[in-house]
N, C-alpha and C. Protein backbone atom coordinates (compact mmCIF):
# COMPACT_ATOMS: atom_id res chain seq x y z
N MET A 1 5.43 -101.93 -44.27
CA MET A 1 5.81 -101.17 -45.10
C MET A 1 6.34 -99.47 -45.08
N ARG A 2 7.49 -98.84 -45.97
CA ARG A 2 8.11 -98.11 -45.62
C ARG A 2 7.97 -96.89 -46.44
N ALA A 3 7.92 -95.63 -46.17
CA ALA A 3 7.89 -94.64 -47.12
C ALA A 3 9.58 -94.10 -47.30
N LEU A 4 9.60 -93.31 -48.17
CA LEU A 4 11.04 -92.58 -47.92
C LEU A 4 10.41 -91.30 -49.16
N LEU A 5 10.67 -90.16 -47.95
CA LEU A 5 10.15 -88.97 -48.34
C LEU A 5 11.74 -88.29 -48.87
N ARG A 6 11.60 -87.16 -49.54
CA ARG A 6 12.86 -86.19 -49.93
C ARG A 6 12.20 -85.36 -50.52
N HIS A 7 13.33 -83.84 -49.95
CA HIS A 7 12.49 -82.40 -50.77
C HIS A 7 13.40 -82.75 -52.10
N VAL A 8 12.56 -81.97 -52.81
CA VAL A 8 13.37 -82.22 -53.77
C VAL A 8 13.55 -80.48 -54.52
N VAL A 9 14.20 -80.21 -55.12
CA VAL A 9 14.24 -78.62 -55.76
C VAL A 9 13.89 -78.85 -57.02
N TRP A 10 13.15 -77.99 -57.37
CA TRP A 10 12.29 -78.13 -59.07
C TRP A 10 12.71 -76.49 -59.29
N ARG A 11 12.57 -76.74 -61.08
CA ARG A 11 13.19 -75.85 -62.20
C ARG A 11 12.52 -76.15 -62.86
N LEU A 12 12.28 -74.48 -63.82
CA LEU A 12 11.31 -74.24 -64.60
C LEU A 12 12.67 -73.58 -65.57
N GLY A 13 12.49 -74.38 -66.95
CA GLY A 13 12.80 -73.59 -68.73
C GLY A 13 11.83 -73.87 -69.20
N LEU A 14 12.43 -73.53 -70.42
CA LEU A 14 11.94 -73.58 -71.93
C LEU A 14 12.04 -74.70 -72.56
N ALA A 15 10.81 -75.62 -72.97
CA ALA A 15 10.72 -76.39 -73.52
C ALA A 15 11.15 -76.76 -74.91
N SER A 16 11.60 -75.75 -75.04
CA SER A 16 11.98 -75.84 -77.24
C SER A 16 12.40 -74.18 -76.68
N PRO A 17 13.65 -74.19 -77.72
CA PRO A 17 14.03 -72.86 -77.82
C PRO A 17 13.71 -72.03 -78.72
N VAL A 18 12.48 -72.65 -78.93
CA VAL A 18 11.67 -71.62 -80.40
C VAL A 18 10.48 -71.89 -79.82
N ALA A 19 9.92 -70.05 -80.30
CA ALA A 19 8.67 -69.87 -79.78
C ALA A 19 8.05 -69.78 -81.06
N ASP A 20 6.81 -69.73 -80.61
CA ASP A 20 5.32 -69.62 -81.87
C ASP A 20 5.06 -68.24 -82.08
N LEU A 21 4.78 -67.53 -82.55
CA LEU A 21 4.47 -66.75 -83.59
C LEU A 21 3.17 -66.07 -84.27
N TYR A 22 2.64 -64.67 -83.74
CA TYR A 22 1.41 -64.79 -84.63
C TYR A 22 1.06 -62.97 -84.36
N ALA A 23 0.47 -62.70 -85.10
CA ALA A 23 -0.18 -61.88 -84.74
C ALA A 23 -2.03 -61.50 -85.21
N GLU A 24 -2.52 -60.67 -84.43
CA GLU A 24 -3.80 -60.54 -84.19
C GLU A 24 -4.41 -59.31 -84.74
N CYS A 25 -5.29 -58.76 -85.79
CA CYS A 25 -5.78 -57.41 -85.90
C CYS A 25 -6.61 -56.98 -84.61
N VAL A 26 -6.62 -55.91 -84.27
CA VAL A 26 -7.12 -55.63 -83.27
C VAL A 26 -8.74 -55.01 -83.00
N VAL A 27 -8.49 -54.57 -84.48
CA VAL A 27 -10.20 -54.25 -84.94
C VAL A 27 -11.36 -55.54 -84.88
N CYS A 28 -10.77 -56.26 -85.67
CA CYS A 28 -11.82 -57.28 -86.34
C CYS A 28 -11.77 -58.76 -85.46
N GLY A 29 -10.40 -58.97 -84.99
CA GLY A 29 -9.70 -59.95 -84.46
C GLY A 29 -9.06 -61.37 -84.88
N GLU A 30 -9.44 -60.72 -86.22
CA GLU A 30 -8.74 -61.50 -87.39
C GLU A 30 -7.03 -62.40 -86.74
N ARG A 31 -6.57 -63.41 -87.11
CA ARG A 31 -5.39 -63.83 -86.52
C ARG A 31 -4.58 -64.30 -87.60
N SER A 32 -3.13 -64.06 -87.93
CA SER A 32 -2.26 -64.32 -88.94
C SER A 32 -2.07 -66.13 -88.35
N PRO A 33 -1.06 -66.55 -89.30
CA PRO A 33 -1.13 -68.06 -89.08
C PRO A 33 -0.22 -68.06 -88.57
N VAL A 34 0.30 -69.05 -87.66
CA VAL A 34 1.40 -69.58 -86.90
C VAL A 34 2.65 -69.71 -87.02
N VAL A 35 3.88 -69.31 -86.86
CA VAL A 35 5.11 -69.26 -87.52
C VAL A 35 5.98 -69.93 -86.32
N HIS A 36 6.36 -70.89 -86.68
CA HIS A 36 7.37 -71.40 -85.62
C HIS A 36 8.67 -70.90 -85.29
N ASP A 37 9.22 -69.89 -86.41
CA ASP A 37 10.67 -69.59 -86.08
C ASP A 37 10.52 -67.90 -86.83
N GLN A 38 11.36 -66.84 -85.81
CA GLN A 38 11.44 -65.91 -86.24
C GLN A 38 11.55 -65.50 -88.11
N ASP A 39 12.37 -66.13 -88.73
CA ASP A 39 12.91 -65.50 -89.52
C ASP A 39 12.20 -66.12 -90.73
N VAL A 40 11.01 -66.84 -90.62
CA VAL A 40 10.56 -67.48 -91.79
C VAL A 40 9.96 -66.09 -92.68
N GLU A 41 10.37 -66.24 -93.70
CA GLU A 41 9.33 -65.43 -94.90
C GLU A 41 8.11 -65.35 -94.76
N GLY A 42 7.75 -64.44 -94.99
CA GLY A 42 5.83 -64.11 -94.86
C GLY A 42 5.24 -64.32 -93.62
N GLY A 43 6.21 -64.22 -92.62
CA GLY A 43 5.81 -64.28 -91.15
C GLY A 43 4.15 -63.32 -90.84
N PRO A 44 4.24 -62.97 -89.38
CA PRO A 44 3.08 -61.81 -89.03
C PRO A 44 3.29 -60.81 -89.77
N GLU A 45 4.87 -60.56 -89.58
CA GLU A 45 4.94 -58.44 -89.72
C GLU A 45 4.48 -58.82 -91.20
N ASP A 46 4.64 -59.65 -92.31
CA ASP A 46 4.19 -59.53 -93.93
C ASP A 46 2.26 -59.47 -93.77
N TRP A 47 1.68 -60.26 -92.67
CA TRP A 47 0.43 -60.51 -92.63
C TRP A 47 -0.24 -59.33 -92.23
N CYS A 48 0.08 -58.58 -91.26
CA CYS A 48 0.06 -57.42 -90.82
C CYS A 48 -0.42 -56.31 -92.31
N MET A 49 0.78 -56.21 -92.52
CA MET A 49 0.88 -55.05 -94.31
C MET A 49 -0.20 -56.01 -94.68
N ALA A 50 -0.30 -56.86 -95.08
CA ALA A 50 -1.43 -57.54 -96.11
C ALA A 50 -2.99 -57.09 -95.43
N HIS A 51 -2.83 -57.51 -94.24
CA HIS A 51 -4.49 -57.11 -93.58
C HIS A 51 -4.71 -55.73 -93.86
N SER A 52 -3.51 -54.93 -93.43
CA SER A 52 -4.10 -53.52 -93.39
C SER A 52 -4.45 -53.25 -94.93
N GLY A 53 -3.36 -53.67 -95.60
CA GLY A 53 -3.44 -53.68 -97.38
C GLY A 53 -5.13 -53.45 -97.93
N GLY A 54 -5.50 -54.92 -97.16
CA GLY A 54 -7.06 -55.02 -97.45
C GLY A 54 -7.84 -54.24 -96.78
N HIS A 55 -7.84 -53.89 -95.80
CA HIS A 55 -8.48 -53.55 -94.98
C HIS A 55 -8.21 -51.81 -94.29
N PRO A 56 -8.07 -50.69 -94.92
CA PRO A 56 -6.72 -49.63 -94.70
C PRO A 56 -7.66 -48.89 -93.48
N SER A 57 -8.81 -49.39 -92.95
CA SER A 57 -9.20 -48.97 -91.43
C SER A 57 -8.27 -49.92 -90.24
N HIS A 58 -8.13 -50.68 -90.49
CA HIS A 58 -7.73 -51.97 -89.78
C HIS A 58 -5.77 -51.48 -89.56
N ARG A 59 -5.36 -50.83 -88.49
CA ARG A 59 -4.02 -50.86 -88.52
C ARG A 59 -3.65 -50.71 -87.17
N ALA A 60 -4.59 -51.33 -86.64
CA ALA A 60 -3.49 -51.83 -84.77
C ALA A 60 -3.82 -53.35 -84.95
N PHE A 61 -2.28 -53.71 -84.34
CA PHE A 61 -2.45 -55.27 -83.94
C PHE A 61 -1.98 -55.63 -82.92
N ARG A 62 -2.32 -56.64 -82.40
CA ARG A 62 -1.12 -57.29 -81.34
C ARG A 62 -0.65 -58.40 -81.58
N ALA A 63 0.87 -58.47 -81.07
CA ALA A 63 1.87 -59.26 -81.31
C ALA A 63 2.05 -60.86 -80.48
N PHE A 64 2.28 -61.73 -80.54
CA PHE A 64 2.33 -62.75 -79.69
C PHE A 64 3.09 -63.50 -79.70
N VAL A 65 4.07 -63.76 -78.94
CA VAL A 65 4.97 -64.78 -79.03
C VAL A 65 5.00 -65.98 -77.79
N VAL A 66 4.71 -66.80 -78.51
CA VAL A 66 4.20 -67.96 -76.92
C VAL A 66 5.60 -69.03 -77.05
N SER A 67 6.10 -69.22 -75.47
CA SER A 67 6.88 -70.40 -75.34
C SER A 67 6.57 -71.38 -74.45
N ALA A 68 6.67 -72.28 -74.58
CA ALA A 68 6.07 -73.57 -74.23
C ALA A 68 7.90 -73.41 -72.69
N TRP A 69 6.59 -73.82 -71.61
CA TRP A 69 7.65 -74.05 -70.39
C TRP A 69 7.57 -75.21 -70.04
N ARG A 70 8.85 -76.03 -69.15
CA ARG A 70 8.67 -77.05 -68.43
C ARG A 70 9.27 -77.09 -66.78
N THR A 71 8.77 -78.17 -65.98
CA THR A 71 9.43 -78.39 -65.08
C THR A 71 10.27 -79.44 -64.73
N GLU A 72 11.13 -79.48 -64.26
CA GLU A 72 11.77 -80.91 -64.03
C GLU A 72 12.50 -80.51 -62.68
N PRO A 73 12.47 -81.95 -62.35
CA PRO A 73 13.60 -81.62 -60.83
C PRO A 73 15.05 -81.24 -60.70
N ASP A 74 15.25 -80.72 -59.60
CA ASP A 74 16.93 -80.58 -60.52
C ASP A 74 17.66 -81.31 -59.50
N ASP A 75 18.15 -82.31 -60.26
CA ASP A 75 19.20 -82.74 -59.52
C ASP A 75 20.55 -82.58 -59.22
N THR A 76 20.94 -81.01 -59.38
CA THR A 76 21.87 -80.90 -58.88
C THR A 76 22.22 -80.08 -57.33
N VAL A 77 20.71 -80.11 -56.97
CA VAL A 77 20.34 -79.79 -55.93
C VAL A 77 19.65 -80.81 -54.99
N GLY A 78 20.41 -80.26 -53.35
CA GLY A 78 19.78 -81.19 -52.58
C GLY A 78 20.62 -82.70 -52.60
N ASP A 79 21.02 -83.33 -53.35
CA ASP A 79 21.26 -84.72 -53.06
C ASP A 79 22.88 -84.56 -52.54
N ALA A 80 23.74 -83.39 -52.87
CA ALA A 80 25.20 -83.70 -52.95
C ALA A 80 25.53 -83.93 -51.28
N PRO A 81 26.14 -84.89 -51.36
CA PRO A 81 27.26 -84.72 -49.57
C PRO A 81 27.88 -83.54 -49.25
N THR A 82 27.55 -83.43 -48.09
CA THR A 82 28.01 -82.20 -47.42
C THR A 82 29.41 -82.33 -46.52
N ALA A 83 30.21 -81.53 -46.72
CA ALA A 83 31.71 -81.93 -45.82
C ALA A 83 30.86 -81.53 -44.48
N SER A 84 32.15 -82.74 -43.43
CA SER A 84 31.48 -82.58 -42.32
C SER A 84 32.88 -81.77 -41.52
């Protein structure tokens, strides 16, 4: 039995161009719904304003932008023939 070994260069990139967005109240830990597009009406920004309106002492929030990454072999590197 023979084995073929080769060096493979990997690359890291975004799995999707769209990120998930949500916010979290620093005071109570409640979270907004997750949205998948920044231009969505009623997104995390609106949720923060409504949450502060219902809880006037809750004025601090964390904003989260979550992107998915993916690794793949980079076929453009390593196997190209070299000039002699």
